[in-house]
C-alpha atoms as a PDB file:
ATOM      1  CA  MET A   1      57.745 -17.410  30.875  1.00  0.00           C
ATOM      2  CA  PHE A   2      60.801 -15.246  31.413  1.00  0.00           C
ATOM      3  CA  ILE A   3      63.536 -14.375  28.897  1.00  0.00           C
ATOM      4  CA  ALA A   4      66.869 -12.558  29.260  1.00  0.00           C
ATOM      5  CA  ILE A   5      69.040 -11.515  26.315  1.00  0.00           C
ATOM      6  CA  ASN A   6      72.674 -10.465  26.055  1.00  0.00           C
ATOM      7  CA  PHE A   7      73.889  -9.240  22.666  1.00  0.00           C
ATOM      8  CA  ALA A   8      77.226  -7.770  21.642  1.00  0.00           C
ATOM      9  CA  GLY A   9      78.156  -6.760  18.139  1.00  0.00           C
ATOM     10  CA  GLU A  10      79.751  -4.230  15.888  1.00  0.00           C
ATOM     11  CA  GLY A  11      79.896  -3.471  12.224  1.00  0.00           C
ATOM     12  CA  VAL A  12      80.993  -1.019   9.583  1.00  0.00           C
ATOM     13  CA  SER A  13      80.048  -0.216   6.024  1.00  0.00           C
ATOM     14  CA  ILE A  14      82.965  -0.247   3.603  1.00  0.00           C
ATOM     15  CA  PRO A  15      82.365   2.045   0.634  1.00  0.00           C
ATOM     16  CA  ILE A  16      83.157   0.409  -2.688  1.00  0.00           C
ATOM     17  CA  PRO A  17      82.341   2.331  -5.861  1.00  0.00           C
ATOM     18  CA  GLY A  18      78.668   1.769  -6.534  1.00  0.00           C
ATOM     19  CA  ILE A  19      77.909  -0.196  -3.345  1.00  0.00           C
ATOM     20  CA  ALA A  20      78.419  -0.185   0.411  1.00  0.00           C
ATOM     21  CA  LEU A  21      79.737  -3.492   1.760  1.00  0.00           C
ATOM     22  CA  PRO A  22      78.530  -4.136   5.333  1.00  0.00           C
ATOM     23  CA  LEU A  23      80.868  -6.137   7.562  1.00  0.00           C
ATOM     24  CA  GLY A  24      79.740  -7.054  11.048  1.00  0.00           C
ATOM     25  CA  LEU A  25      79.626  -9.641  13.768  1.00  0.00           C
ATOM     26  CA  GLY A  26      77.519 -10.389  16.781  1.00  0.00           C
ATOM     27  CA  VAL A  27      77.168 -12.822  19.663  1.00  0.00           C
ATOM     28  CA  CYS A  28      73.812 -13.497  21.293  1.00  0.00           C
ATOM     29  CA  HIS A  29      73.006 -15.343  24.520  1.00  0.00           C
ATOM     30  CA  LEU A  30      69.391 -16.119  25.380  1.00  0.00           C
ATOM     31  CA  TRP A  31      68.116 -17.505  28.699  1.00  0.00           C
ATOM     32  CA  VAL A  32      64.608 -18.911  29.175  1.00  0.00           C
ATOM     33  CA  ILE A  33      62.735 -19.790  32.384  1.00  0.00           C
ATOM     34  CA  PRO A  34      59.339 -21.518  31.991  1.00  0.00           C
ATOM     35  CA  THR A  35      56.341 -20.283  34.002  1.00  0.00           C
ATOM     36  CA  VAL A  36      56.097 -23.664  35.729  1.00  0.00           C
ATOM     37  CA  ILE A  37      59.553 -25.017  36.487  1.00  0.00           C
ATOM     38  CA  PRO A  38      59.445 -28.812  35.926  1.00  0.00           C
ATOM     39  CA  ASP A  39      62.854 -29.477  37.527  1.00  0.00           C
ATOM     40  CA  PRO A  40      63.898 -27.013  40.258  1.00  0.00           C
ATOM     41  CA  ALA A  41      67.489 -28.257  39.967  1.00  0.00           C
ATOM     42  CA  SER A  42      67.818 -26.827  36.448  1.00  0.00           C
ATOM     43  CA  PRO A  43      65.270 -24.032  35.813  1.00  0.00           C
ATOM     44  CA  VAL A  44      67.340 -21.896  33.411  1.00  0.00           C
ATOM     45  CA  HIS A  45      67.855 -22.939  29.816  1.00  0.00           C
ATOM     46  CA  GLY A  46      70.659 -21.041  28.063  1.00  0.00           C
ATOM     47  CA  PHE A  47      71.285 -20.851  24.339  1.00  0.00           C
ATOM     48  CA  THR A  48      73.945 -19.064  22.318  1.00  0.00           C
ATOM     49  CA  THR A  49      74.820 -18.208  18.742  1.00  0.00           C
ATOM     50  CA  ALA A  50      77.094 -16.014  16.672  1.00  0.00           C
ATOM     51  CA  THR A  51      76.341 -14.128  13.474  1.00  0.00           C
ATOM     52  CA  ASN A  52      78.145 -12.208  10.772  1.00  0.00           C
ATOM     53  CA  GLN A  53      75.007 -10.081  10.320  1.00  0.00           C
ATOM     54  CA  GLY A  54      76.207  -7.547  12.895  1.00  0.00           C
ATOM     55  CA  PRO A  55      74.835  -4.051  13.407  1.00  0.00           C
ATOM     56  CA  LEU A  56      76.052  -0.881  11.732  1.00  0.00           C
ATOM     57  CA  GLY A  57      77.648   0.623  14.835  1.00  0.00           C
ATOM     58  CA  VAL A  58      78.527  -0.809  18.240  1.00  0.00           C
ATOM     59  CA  ILE A  59      76.321  -2.426  20.884  1.00  0.00           C
ATOM     60  CA  THR A  60      76.637  -4.367  24.129  1.00  0.00           C
ATOM     61  CA  LEU A  61      73.185  -4.958  25.558  1.00  0.00           C
ATOM     62  CA  ALA A  62      71.996  -6.991  28.542  1.00  0.00           C
ATOM     63  CA  THR A  63      68.447  -7.295  29.842  1.00  0.00           C
ATOM     64  CA  PRO A  64      67.140  -8.558  33.158  1.00  0.00           C
ATOM     65  CA  PHE A  65      64.686 -11.466  32.976  1.00  0.00           C
ATOM     66  CA  ILE A  66      61.593 -10.153  31.186  1.00  0.00           C
ATOM     67  CA  ASP A  67      58.144 -11.621  31.864  1.00  0.00           C
ATOM     68  CA  VAL A  68      56.677 -12.463  28.449  1.00  0.00           C
ATOM     69  CA  GLY A  69      53.539 -13.978  29.989  1.00  0.00           C
ATOM     70  CA  ASN A  70      52.078 -17.446  30.171  1.00  0.00           C
ATOM     71  CA  LEU A  71      52.314 -18.909  26.675  1.00  0.00           C
ATOM     72  CA  GLY A  72      50.624 -22.196  27.444  1.00  0.00           C
ATOM     73  CA  GLN A  73      52.307 -25.533  27.946  1.00  0.00           C
ATOM     74  CA  ALA A  74      52.985 -26.402  24.287  1.00  0.00           C
ATOM     75  CA  ARG A  75      54.454 -23.007  23.320  1.00  0.00           C
ATOM     76  CA  GLU A  76      56.585 -22.806  26.484  1.00  0.00           C
ATOM     77  CA  ALA A  77      57.926 -26.302  25.849  1.00  0.00           C
ATOM     78  CA  ALA A  78      58.998 -25.215  22.359  1.00  0.00           C
ATOM     79  CA  TRP A  79      60.607 -21.955  23.572  1.00  0.00           C
ATOM     80  CA  THR A  80      62.540 -23.675  26.373  1.00  0.00           C
ATOM     81  CA  ASN A  81      63.967 -26.243  23.940  1.00  0.00           C
ATOM     82  CA  LEU A  82      65.753 -24.103  21.342  1.00  0.00           C
ATOM     83  CA  HIS A  83      68.825 -26.328  20.910  1.00  0.00           C
ATOM     84  CA  GLY A  84      69.488 -26.738  17.201  1.00  0.00           C
ATOM     85  CA  LYS A  85      66.592 -24.430  16.280  1.00  0.00           C
ATOM     86  CA  ILE A  86      66.886 -21.588  13.801  1.00  0.00           C
ATOM     87  CA  LEU A  87      65.640 -18.228  15.054  1.00  0.00           C
ATOM     88  CA  THR A  88      65.324 -14.824  13.486  1.00  0.00           C
ATOM     89  CA  VAL A  89      66.175 -12.190  16.080  1.00  0.00           C
ATOM     90  CA  ARG A  90      65.330  -8.499  15.737  1.00  0.00           C
ATOM     91  CA  ILE A  91      66.570  -5.955  18.281  1.00  0.00           C
ATOM     92  CA  GLU A  92      65.502  -2.305  18.075  1.00  0.00           C
ATOM     93  CA  PRO A  93      67.580  -0.456  20.690  1.00  0.00           C
ATOM     94  CA  SER A  94      67.588   3.196  21.612  1.00  0.00           C
ATOM     95  CA  THR A  95      70.925   4.995  21.847  1.00  0.00           C
ATOM     96  CA  PHE A  96      72.156   4.636  25.432  1.00  0.00           C
ATOM     97  CA  ALA A  97      75.192   4.198  27.656  1.00  0.00           C
ATOM     98  CA  GLY A  98      74.960   2.697  31.124  1.00  0.00           C
ATOM     99  CA  ASN A  99      71.597   1.654  32.547  1.00  0.00           C
ATOM    100  CA  ASN A 100      67.935   2.115  31.648  1.00  0.00           C
ATOM    101  CA  GLY A 101      68.307   1.725  27.904  1.00  0.00           C
ATOM    102  CA  ILE A 102      65.194   0.807  25.963  1.00  0.00           C
ATOM    103  CA  ALA A 103      64.926  -1.940  23.365  1.00  0.00           C
ATOM    104  CA  LYS A 104      62.196  -3.875  21.570  1.00  0.00           C
ATOM    105  CA  PHE A 105      62.778  -7.533  20.739  1.00  0.00           C
ATOM    106  CA  LYS A 106      61.209  -9.935  18.265  1.00  0.00           C
ATOM    107  CA  LEU A 107      62.141 -13.619  18.276  1.00  0.00           C
ATOM    108  CA  GLU A 108      60.770 -15.902  15.590  1.00  0.00           C
ATOM    109  CA  THR A 109      61.300 -19.650  15.376  1.00  0.00           C
ATOM    110  CA  ILE A 110      61.417 -21.173  11.934  1.00  0.00           C
ATOM    111  CA  GLY A 111      59.993 -24.673  11.924  1.00  0.00           C
ATOM    112  CA  PRO A 112      59.184 -27.402   9.438  1.00  0.00           C
ATOM    113  CA  ALA A 113      56.813 -26.694   6.569  1.00  0.00           C
ATOM    114  CA  GLY A 114      57.004 -22.952   7.180  1.00  0.00           C
ATOM    115  CA  MET A 115      55.507 -23.189  10.683  1.00  0.00           C
ATOM    116  CA  SER A 116      56.769 -20.420  12.940  1.00  0.00           C
ATOM    117  CA  ASP A 117      56.097 -18.834  16.311  1.00  0.00           C
ATOM    118  CA  THR A 118      56.886 -15.263  17.318  1.00  0.00           C
ATOM    119  CA  LEU A 119      57.527 -13.555  20.646  1.00  0.00           C
ATOM    120  CA  THR A 120      57.577  -9.754  20.834  1.00  0.00           C
ATOM    121  CA  PHE A 121      58.502  -7.884  24.011  1.00  0.00           C
ATOM    122  CA  ALA A 122      60.401  -4.837  25.268  1.00  0.00           C
ATOM    123  CA  SER A 123      62.626  -3.779  28.149  1.00  0.00           C
ATOM    124  CA  SER A 124      63.330  -0.346  29.596  1.00  0.00           C
ATOM    125  CA  GLU A 125      66.015  -1.788  31.872  1.00  0.00           C
ATOM    126  CA  CYS A 126      68.753  -2.617  29.352  1.00  0.00           C
ATOM    127  CA  SER A 127      72.330  -2.077  30.416  1.00  0.00           C
ATOM    128  CA  GLY A 128      75.412  -1.593  28.263  1.00  0.00           C
ATOM    129  CA  THR A 129      76.066   0.724  25.340  1.00  0.00           C
ATOM    130  CA  SER A 130      74.125   1.140  22.124  1.00  0.00           C
ATOM    131  CA  VAL A 131      75.160   3.322  19.203  1.00  0.00           C
ATOM    132  CA  VAL A 132      73.687   1.665  16.119  1.00  0.00           C
ATOM    133  CA  ALA A 133      72.337   3.126  12.887  1.00  0.00           C
ATOM    134  CA  ALA A 134      69.410   0.724  12.445  1.00  0.00           C
ATOM    135  CA  PRO A 135      67.651  -2.222  14.082  1.00  0.00           C
ATOM    136  CA  ILE A 136      69.712  -5.402  14.321  1.00  0.00           C
ATOM    137  CA  GLU A 137      68.285  -8.467  12.601  1.00  0.00           C
ATOM    138  CA  PHE A 138      69.895 -11.839  12.040  1.00  0.00           C
ATOM    139  CA  THR A 139      68.955 -15.473  11.517  1.00  0.00           C
ATOM    140  CA  ALA A 140      71.030 -18.172  13.190  1.00  0.00           C
ATOM    141  CA  GLU A 141      70.968 -21.596  14.814  1.00  0.00           C
ATOM    142  CA  PHE A 142      70.980 -21.533  18.620  1.00  0.00           C
ATOM    143  CA  LEU A 143      72.829 -24.136  20.682  1.00  0.00           C
ATOM    144  CA  GLN A 144      72.260 -24.986  24.335  1.00  0.00           C
ATOM    145  CA  THR A 145      74.940 -23.692  26.678  1.00  0.00           C
ATOM    146  CA  LEU A 146      73.755 -23.822  30.252  1.00  0.00           C
ATOM    147  CA  LYS A 147      71.376 -25.484  32.667  1.00  0.00           C
ATOM    148  CA  SER A 148      71.792 -24.179  36.189  1.00  0.00           C
END
């Protein structure tokens, strides 16, 4: 299965006496191609979400399609049908500008009765700009955007 991620976000920490109030936002697009394409007319499944759990700093990150391996028919079917599903996304980027940035990704589905599935992968071909103080982590519902 192949996955591509685009993420853009920014955030600041507002000092208030006794606490630091983080304010941030982010937009994430996720594209999934199964290992075996059941319908050649629509092999790419796109999903999108927005979050107010943005990073401390600024980031625009895009990956090429990353081969995450053959997950088996049941797991791939679940990962290519993320519409309405809640995911926890963790992105650990290096500091970079331009091409060849490095980032680790962890995607976790949250299912009924506490059932979950996790994908962990990395890319050394990220493009964009990343100047963040810590890994980015958010939980959000993904909605389908594209089949082409």
